[in-house]
Structures are given as C-alpha cells and as structure tokens.
Amino acid sequence: MNKQLEQVIQQDIVENTDCREILRKIPKESIDLLVTSPPYWAKRVYNEDEEGELGSEPTPEEFVKVLADYFDIFRPYIKKEGNLFVNIGDTFFGSGAGAWNKYLDEEGNTTSFQKERKEKYFTLKPLQPKLKQDGKLYQNKQLLLIPSRFAIEMQSRGWILRDDIIWRKPNRIPASVKDRFNNTYEHVFHFVQAKKYYFDLDSVKIMGANGKLKNPGDVWDINTQPLRGSHTATFPEALVDICIKCGSPKNGLVFDPFMGTGTSWIVARRLNRRFIGSEINPEFYQFSIKRFLESLSERNKEHGETIPSNTQTHLDI
C-alpha cells in the first residue's frame, strides 16, 4: 500500500469492484446521499471482457428495468430520510450511437489521444443492438425518452420523484445535425423514499436580481468538465457540489456506485463528507485515485494544510 494513500484516505471505502459487492461493507440505512451517473444505454464500451455490462442490454426497455433493479438493491442501505440524485442521458434509435470516424478535440483538431479514447470507449461500430424497426418506438431518428422511461419505472417501484432537474451545458459542442436542434441538456432526477427527508436548500441558494438569496430552480447552467488524457467525465464537479450540499449533512455518508473517474469522491472530501465508491473499470479506478490525490495536493497548497499521518485506509488497490 502506498504510504501517501494510507495518509489521505480517512473513513472512505473506495474499491475496484462491482457496486453490488461493496454493499457488504455498508450497514443498512447508513447512506445519506446516493449521487451517480450510471452508464447510458448503447453509448460506451467500459469493460470489453465483461458480459452483461450495464448499458449493453438488448433493448432500452430492458436497460431501464435493469438500472432500476440496481437502485432497488441499494435502497435498504439508504436512510429513510436520504436522497438519490441520478444523472441520465437519452439517445436516438438507429443513430449509430458510439460510432466515430473523426477524432477531434474541442477546438476541432485531430489528436492521437482523442483517436485512442474514441476507439476504446466509443468503438468504431454502432453500439445499439440490431432491433427490427416496428414503425412505432423502433424507427430511425426516434428519440427514445430513456430518462422519462427510467423515472416512471422508479415511480412504479415506490420511489418519490421530487425534481426533474435540467442540466444545461452552455459549452456543448455544436452537432453536425441539420434536421433537428442540437441537444444541450441532460436530466438529473431527484428521488426520495419518504415524504419527509433531509434537504438543505439554504446551502445552494443563489443571489437574485433584488440582492436577496433565492431558490436556484431546476435548470442548472453548468459547463461540462473535460479531463486530461483518454478519460471521460460525465459529472462536472459543480453539479455534484450542489447535490451533495443540499442532499447530505456535514460528515454525512455519500455513495457513488458508478464512480467513474472519481468526481463525486473529490467533491465529497472537499465538502467534509464521508464517501463510499465503486468502479468496475480498473483503468478508471486508478485514474480516480490519481485525480483524488491531485485534488488534495492542490487543496493543501491553497490552504497551507498538511495531510494527517494517523488516518485509516479502506482503499482497495
């Protein structure tokens, strides 16, 4: 075990494992907030050797059910007054989602790491399963409304949907489509289990035109946050920051079962929350550790802090 890691991880459980396995280390009704961005349907290849990878289901309907099954598994571990924030995107039927033949960065330049990233995680062939067109849901150019289908499925299982937050991306790269408008947003659903739950609105209020603090509303303008190298980052830190502040108390426990490159871990530590995270992709997992250590180093420099040397580690590495 790296000594630096031993020093910086305190009361956190972060593992390179299936998110269902890490639950064995979590007491029932202990999580204050579950915040995550799970894999989308037919959008990425995260684990080429894994059969039954989430997001590879044969139909969008099956994906919605499997995804909701995950949250039913997590449910007993979330406090009755706890919160669940889920970021999820949509796709078009027959769009060839995942297929790329151009390797451009945000400035439109071809780069070797963009080529490597897109070939590895997006692949050069369509990821959507071959489904016969039915002239109804399954017809080319049809927007599948996967987020809406997921939210309704969760409601049918007893979850209470409190917010359908629109994450608008002001820096979204223009699409080449000419027969529809460019998509510039994703959904962030806020679910709870009970009518009375923890929610700290004051922590996320914004300044109004009258000089008084006000409710920020359910449309959040937050830029996407690209990462260096061949990694992707769906979650910008600013978005996770809002969810953690309003959805969990100080020293509360935050869980991200699809941790990716560690954004929720970084923000949770910055906001003085305990954290549990799992990521099944070993490369993403290692990168999340690197990001986390870099964020701590930057924070220590800014505040002149030193890393405590008597902390415990539960880091699986």
Protein backbone atom coordinates (compact mmCIF):
# COMPACT_ATOMS: atom_id res chain seq x y z
CA MET A 1 0.00 0.00 0.00
CA ASN A 2 1.32 3.41 -0.99
CA LYS A 3 2.13 5.42 2.19
CA GLN A 4 0.65 8.56 0.69
CA LEU A 5 -2.63 6.75 0.14
CA GLU A 6 -2.58 5.50 3.70
CA GLN A 7 -2.33 9.08 4.86
CA VAL A 8 -5.02 10.69 2.76
CA ILE A 9 -7.91 8.22 2.95
CA GLN A 10 -9.92 8.60 6.11
CA GLN A 11 -13.16 6.72 6.68
CA ASP A 12 -13.62 6.29 2.91
CA ILE A 13 -14.26 2.95 1.18
CA VAL A 14 -13.24 3.09 -2.47
CA GLU A 15 -12.86 -0.13 -4.42
CA ASN A 16 -12.32 -1.52 -7.90
CA THR A 17 -15.33 -3.83 -7.76
CA ASP A 18 -18.92 -4.37 -8.79
CA CYS A 19 -21.08 -1.88 -6.90
CA ARG A 20 -23.26 -4.70 -5.57
CA GLU A 21 -20.25 -6.29 -3.87
CA ILE A 22 -19.24 -3.18 -1.94
CA LEU A 23 -22.62 -3.17 -0.18
CA ARG A 24 -21.32 -5.97 2.04
CA LYS A 25 -19.22 -3.34 3.83
CA ILE A 26 -22.08 -0.88 4.34
CA PRO A 27 -24.59 -1.12 7.21
CA LYS A 28 -28.28 -0.94 6.30
CA GLU A 29 -29.81 2.57 6.38
CA SER A 30 -26.43 4.30 6.64
CA ILE A 31 -26.17 6.29 3.39
CA ASP A 32 -27.31 9.91 3.48
CA LEU A 33 -26.96 10.53 -0.24
CA LEU A 34 -26.53 8.39 -3.34
CA VAL A 35 -25.37 10.55 -6.24
CA THR A 36 -24.29 8.98 -9.51
CA SER A 37 -24.20 9.00 -13.30
CA PRO A 38 -24.64 5.37 -14.38
CA PRO A 39 -23.74 4.12 -17.86
CA TYR A 40 -26.19 5.19 -20.55
CA TRP A 41 -27.78 2.73 -22.96
CA ALA A 42 -25.69 1.79 -26.03
CA LYS A 43 -23.30 4.72 -25.60
CA ARG A 44 -19.96 3.39 -24.34
CA VAL A 45 -17.76 0.32 -24.01
CA TYR A 46 -16.39 0.36 -20.45
CA ASN A 47 -15.42 -3.27 -19.86
CA GLU A 48 -14.89 -5.23 -23.05
CA ASP A 49 -14.37 -8.51 -21.20
CA GLU A 50 -17.49 -8.17 -19.07
CA GLU A 51 -20.66 -9.93 -20.19
CA GLY A 52 -23.91 -8.26 -19.27
CA GLU A 53 -22.31 -4.85 -18.82
CA LEU A 54 -24.83 -2.22 -17.71
CA GLY A 55 -25.80 -0.25 -20.80
CA SER A 56 -25.45 -3.22 -23.17
CA GLU A 57 -28.98 -4.56 -22.72
CA PRO A 58 -30.76 -5.70 -25.91
CA THR A 59 -33.48 -3.03 -25.69
CA PRO A 60 -33.93 0.36 -23.96
CA GLU A 61 -36.89 -1.09 -22.04
CA GLU A 62 -34.69 -3.85 -20.61
CA PHE A 63 -31.98 -1.30 -19.74
CA VAL A 64 -34.49 0.79 -17.79
CA LYS A 65 -35.61 -2.24 -15.78
CA VAL A 66 -32.06 -3.43 -15.06
CA LEU A 67 -30.99 0.07 -13.99
CA ALA A 68 -33.98 0.38 -11.65
CA ASP A 69 -33.08 -3.05 -10.24
CA TYR A 70 -29.73 -1.62 -9.14
CA PHE A 71 -31.40 1.13 -7.15
CA ASP A 72 -33.77 -1.37 -5.56
CA ILE A 73 -30.66 -3.25 -4.39
CA PHE A 74 -29.18 -0.01 -2.98
CA ARG A 75 -32.42 1.09 -1.35
CA PRO A 76 -32.12 -0.76 2.00
CA TYR A 77 -28.73 0.89 2.56
CA ILE A 78 -30.06 4.44 2.15
CA LYS A 79 -31.51 6.19 5.19
CA LYS A 80 -35.27 6.66 5.12
CA GLU A 81 -34.69 10.42 5.03
CA GLY A 82 -31.91 10.07 2.46
CA ASN A 83 -31.68 11.39 -1.10
CA LEU A 84 -30.93 9.92 -4.52
CA PHE A 85 -29.69 12.02 -7.47
CA VAL A 86 -29.30 10.23 -10.82
CA ASN A 87 -27.89 11.86 -13.97
CA ILE A 88 -29.01 10.09 -17.14
CA GLY A 89 -28.92 10.93 -20.83
CA ASP A 90 -31.00 9.95 -23.86
CA THR A 91 -30.29 8.56 -27.31
CA PHE A 92 -31.89 8.20 -30.73
CA PHE A 93 -32.87 4.89 -32.27
CA GLY A 94 -30.77 3.86 -35.24
CA SER A 95 -28.41 6.79 -34.71
CA GLY A 96 -25.27 4.67 -34.77
CA ALA A 97 -24.52 5.87 -31.26
CA GLY A 98 -20.96 5.04 -30.38
CA ALA A 99 -19.65 5.07 -33.95
CA TRP A 100 -16.91 7.61 -34.65
CA ASN A 101 -14.81 8.25 -37.74
CA LYS A 102 -13.44 11.64 -36.74
CA TYR A 103 -11.02 12.24 -33.89
CA LEU A 104 -11.39 15.87 -32.94
CA ASP A 105 -10.80 17.72 -29.71
CA GLU A 106 -12.94 20.64 -28.54
CA GLU A 107 -11.10 23.03 -30.89
CA GLY A 108 -11.72 20.76 -33.87
CA ASN A 109 -8.15 19.47 -34.06
CA THR A 110 -7.24 15.83 -34.62
CA THR A 111 -5.23 14.44 -31.70
CA SER A 112 -3.81 10.99 -31.00
CA PHE A 113 -5.40 10.71 -27.56
CA GLN A 114 -8.83 11.60 -28.95
CA LYS A 115 -8.42 8.85 -31.55
CA GLU A 116 -7.38 6.38 -28.84
CA ARG A 117 -10.19 7.41 -26.50
CA LYS A 118 -12.96 7.19 -29.07
CA GLU A 119 -11.79 3.85 -30.44
CA LYS A 120 -11.53 2.39 -26.94
CA TYR A 121 -14.65 3.68 -25.22
CA PHE A 122 -16.99 4.56 -28.07
CA THR A 123 -15.82 1.94 -30.64
CA LEU A 124 -15.85 2.26 -34.41
CA LYS A 125 -19.14 0.46 -34.90
CA PRO A 126 -22.67 1.21 -33.69
CA LEU A 127 -23.31 0.00 -30.15
CA GLN A 128 -27.06 -0.27 -30.47
CA PRO A 129 -28.24 -3.87 -30.82
CA LYS A 130 -29.84 -4.75 -34.13
CA LEU A 131 -33.53 -4.21 -33.46
CA LYS A 132 -36.15 -4.59 -36.14
CA GLN A 133 -37.94 -1.36 -36.91
CA ASP A 134 -41.60 -1.51 -35.91
CA GLY A 135 -42.80 1.84 -37.23
CA LYS A 136 -43.52 2.87 -33.65
CA LEU A 137 -40.86 3.21 -30.95
CA TYR A 138 -38.26 1.46 -33.05
CA GLN A 139 -37.82 3.60 -36.11
CA ASN A 140 -34.80 5.56 -37.23
CA LYS A 141 -34.35 9.06 -35.78
CA GLN A 142 -36.75 8.32 -32.91
CA LEU A 143 -35.74 9.94 -29.60
CA LEU A 144 -36.20 7.07 -27.16
CA LEU A 145 -37.02 9.10 -24.00
CA ILE A 146 -34.95 6.76 -21.86
CA PRO A 147 -34.70 9.23 -18.93
CA SER A 148 -38.50 9.55 -18.79
CA ARG A 149 -38.96 5.79 -19.00
CA PHE A 150 -36.46 5.33 -16.18
CA ALA A 151 -38.17 7.91 -13.96
CA ILE A 152 -41.57 6.30 -14.48
CA GLU A 153 -40.14 2.84 -13.76
CA MET A 154 -38.67 4.16 -10.50
CA GLN A 155 -42.03 5.68 -9.55
CA SER A 156 -43.73 2.33 -10.20
CA ARG A 157 -41.35 0.81 -7.63
CA GLY A 158 -42.30 3.28 -4.93
CA TRP A 159 -39.64 5.97 -5.29
CA ILE A 160 -40.90 9.54 -4.97
CA LEU A 161 -39.68 11.82 -7.77
CA ARG A 162 -39.13 15.28 -6.28
CA ASP A 163 -37.25 17.02 -9.10
CA ASP A 164 -36.57 16.58 -12.78
CA ILE A 165 -33.54 18.87 -12.97
CA ILE A 166 -32.32 20.04 -16.37
CA TRP A 167 -28.55 20.20 -16.57
CA ARG A 168 -27.96 22.66 -19.40
CA LYS A 169 -24.48 22.66 -20.91
CA PRO A 170 -23.55 26.17 -22.13
CA ASN A 171 -20.27 24.89 -23.63
CA ARG A 172 -21.84 21.98 -25.52
CA ILE A 173 -20.01 21.36 -28.81
CA PRO A 174 -22.36 22.04 -31.78
CA ALA A 175 -23.59 18.90 -33.51
CA SER A 176 -23.50 18.39 -37.27
CA VAL A 177 -27.21 17.53 -37.47
CA LYS A 178 -29.31 19.64 -39.85
CA ASP A 179 -32.83 18.31 -39.32
CA ARG A 180 -33.21 18.90 -35.56
CA PHE A 181 -31.90 21.17 -32.82
CA ASN A 182 -28.63 20.40 -31.07
CA ASN A 183 -29.13 18.68 -27.72
CA THR A 184 -27.70 20.85 -24.94
CA TYR A 185 -29.02 19.24 -21.74
CA GLU A 186 -29.35 16.08 -19.65
CA HIS A 187 -31.67 15.09 -16.83
CA VAL A 188 -30.78 14.83 -13.15
CA PHE A 189 -33.58 13.09 -11.24
CA HIS A 190 -34.01 13.65 -7.51
CA PHE A 191 -35.72 10.72 -5.76
CA VAL A 192 -36.61 10.14 -2.10
CA GLN A 193 -38.22 7.31 -0.16
CA ALA A 194 -40.32 9.29 2.31
CA LYS A 195 -42.34 12.50 2.29
CA LYS A 196 -40.07 13.94 4.97
CA TYR A 197 -36.39 13.87 4.07
CA TYR A 198 -33.17 15.82 4.54
CA PHE A 199 -32.84 18.83 2.24
CA ASP A 200 -30.68 21.91 2.86
CA LEU A 201 -31.96 24.49 0.37
CA ASP A 202 -30.13 27.36 2.08
CA SER A 203 -26.76 25.79 1.22
CA VAL A 204 -27.38 26.13 -2.53
CA LYS A 205 -29.37 29.36 -2.82
CA ILE A 206 -28.15 31.92 -5.35
CA MET A 207 -28.22 35.69 -5.44
CA GLY A 208 -31.30 37.14 -7.11
CA ALA A 209 -31.61 40.37 -9.09
CA ASN A 210 -33.03 42.07 -5.99
CA GLY A 211 -29.91 41.28 -3.99
CA LYS A 212 -31.60 38.57 -1.96
CA LEU A 213 -30.87 34.87 -1.93
CA LYS A 214 -33.34 32.70 -3.83
CA ASN A 215 -34.08 29.12 -4.83
CA PRO A 216 -31.83 28.25 -7.81
CA GLY A 217 -34.64 26.47 -9.65
CA ASP A 218 -34.48 23.23 -11.59
CA VAL A 219 -32.47 24.38 -14.62
CA TRP A 220 -28.74 24.38 -13.86
CA ASP A 221 -26.34 26.01 -16.30
CA ILE A 222 -23.09 24.11 -15.74
CA ASN A 223 -20.29 23.62 -18.23
CA THR A 224 -19.03 20.13 -18.99
CA GLN A 225 -15.65 19.38 -17.43
CA PRO A 226 -13.22 17.56 -19.71
CA LEU A 227 -10.32 15.60 -18.25
CA ARG A 228 -6.78 15.15 -19.47
CA GLY A 229 -5.83 12.02 -21.35
CA SER A 230 -8.12 9.30 -22.65
CA HIS A 231 -10.74 9.58 -19.91
CA THR A 232 -14.26 10.92 -19.95
CA ALA A 233 -16.06 12.84 -17.22
CA THR A 234 -19.84 12.97 -17.35
CA PHE A 235 -20.14 14.62 -13.95
CA PRO A 236 -18.77 18.17 -13.62
CA GLU A 237 -17.72 18.95 -10.07
CA ALA A 238 -20.06 21.96 -9.92
CA LEU A 239 -23.09 19.72 -10.48
CA VAL A 240 -22.09 17.19 -7.84
CA ASP A 241 -21.34 20.05 -5.45
CA ILE A 242 -24.98 21.16 -5.48
CA CYS A 243 -26.30 17.62 -4.97
CA ILE A 244 -24.00 16.91 -2.03
CA LYS A 245 -24.61 20.26 -0.30
CA CYS A 246 -28.39 20.07 -0.40
CA GLY A 247 -28.72 16.29 -0.12
CA SER A 248 -26.44 15.38 2.80
CA PRO A 249 -25.38 16.84 6.16
CA LYS A 250 -21.79 17.65 7.13
CA ASN A 251 -19.94 14.42 7.94
CA GLY A 252 -22.75 12.52 6.21
CA LEU A 253 -22.13 9.45 4.08
CA VAL A 254 -22.17 9.81 0.27
CA PHE A 255 -22.27 6.78 -2.05
CA ASP A 256 -21.48 6.67 -5.77
CA PRO A 257 -21.85 3.12 -7.11
CA PHE A 258 -20.68 4.07 -10.63
CA MET A 259 -17.78 6.28 -9.57
CA GLY A 260 -16.03 6.56 -12.93
CA THR A 261 -13.07 8.91 -12.62
CA GLY A 262 -13.80 9.97 -9.04
CA THR A 263 -15.59 13.31 -9.32
CA SER A 264 -18.07 12.58 -6.53
CA TRP A 265 -15.22 11.38 -4.27
CA ILE A 266 -13.27 14.59 -4.80
CA VAL A 267 -16.27 16.81 -4.11
CA ALA A 268 -17.40 14.79 -1.09
CA ARG A 269 -14.00 15.17 0.58
CA ARG A 270 -13.90 18.89 -0.22
CA LEU A 271 -17.30 19.30 1.46
CA ASN A 272 -16.34 17.23 4.53
CA ARG A 273 -18.49 14.19 3.79
CA ARG A 274 -17.52 10.56 4.15
CA PHE A 275 -17.53 8.62 0.92
CA ILE A 276 -18.10 5.14 -0.44
CA GLY A 277 -17.45 4.49 -4.11
CA SER A 278 -17.02 1.61 -6.51
CA GLU A 279 -15.78 1.49 -10.09
CA ILE A 280 -15.57 -1.77 -12.03
CA ASN A 281 -13.24 -0.46 -14.75
CA PRO A 282 -9.65 -0.81 -13.40
CA GLU A 283 -8.26 1.98 -15.58
CA PHE A 284 -10.93 4.45 -14.48
CA TYR A 285 -10.41 3.34 -10.89
CA GLN A 286 -6.66 4.01 -10.99
CA PHE A 287 -7.28 7.36 -12.65
CA SER A 288 -9.77 8.30 -9.91
CA ILE A 289 -7.08 7.72 -7.28
CA LYS A 290 -4.67 9.92 -9.21
CA ARG A 291 -7.29 12.67 -9.53
CA PHE A 292 -8.17 12.44 -5.84
CA LEU A 293 -4.57 12.77 -4.72
CA GLU A 294 -4.00 15.70 -7.05
CA SER A 295 -7.10 17.45 -5.70
CA LEU A 296 -5.87 17.00 -2.13
CA SER A 297 -2.46 18.34 -3.05
CA GLU A 298 -4.00 21.43 -4.66
CA ARG A 299 -6.26 21.97 -1.68
CA ASN A 300 -3.35 21.68 0.76
CA LYS A 301 -1.35 24.25 -1.20
CA GLU A 302 -4.28 26.68 -1.24
CA HIS A 303 -4.96 26.41 2.48
CA GLY A 304 -1.49 25.63 3.78
CA GLU A 305 -2.80 22.38 5.25
CA THR A 306 -0.84 19.22 6.00
CA ILE A 307 -2.13 15.71 5.42
CA PRO A 308 -2.74 13.89 8.72
CA SER A 309 -0.50 10.87 9.22
CA ASN A 310 -2.71 8.85 11.57
CA THR A 311 -5.65 8.13 9.27
CA GLN A 312 -7.09 4.74 8.41
CA THR A 313 -7.44 3.44 4.88
CA HIS A 314 -10.08 1.22 3.31
CA LEU A 315 -8.78 1.75 -0.20
CA ASP A 316 -8.65 -1.33 -2.40
CA ILE A 317 -5.54 -1.05 -4.55
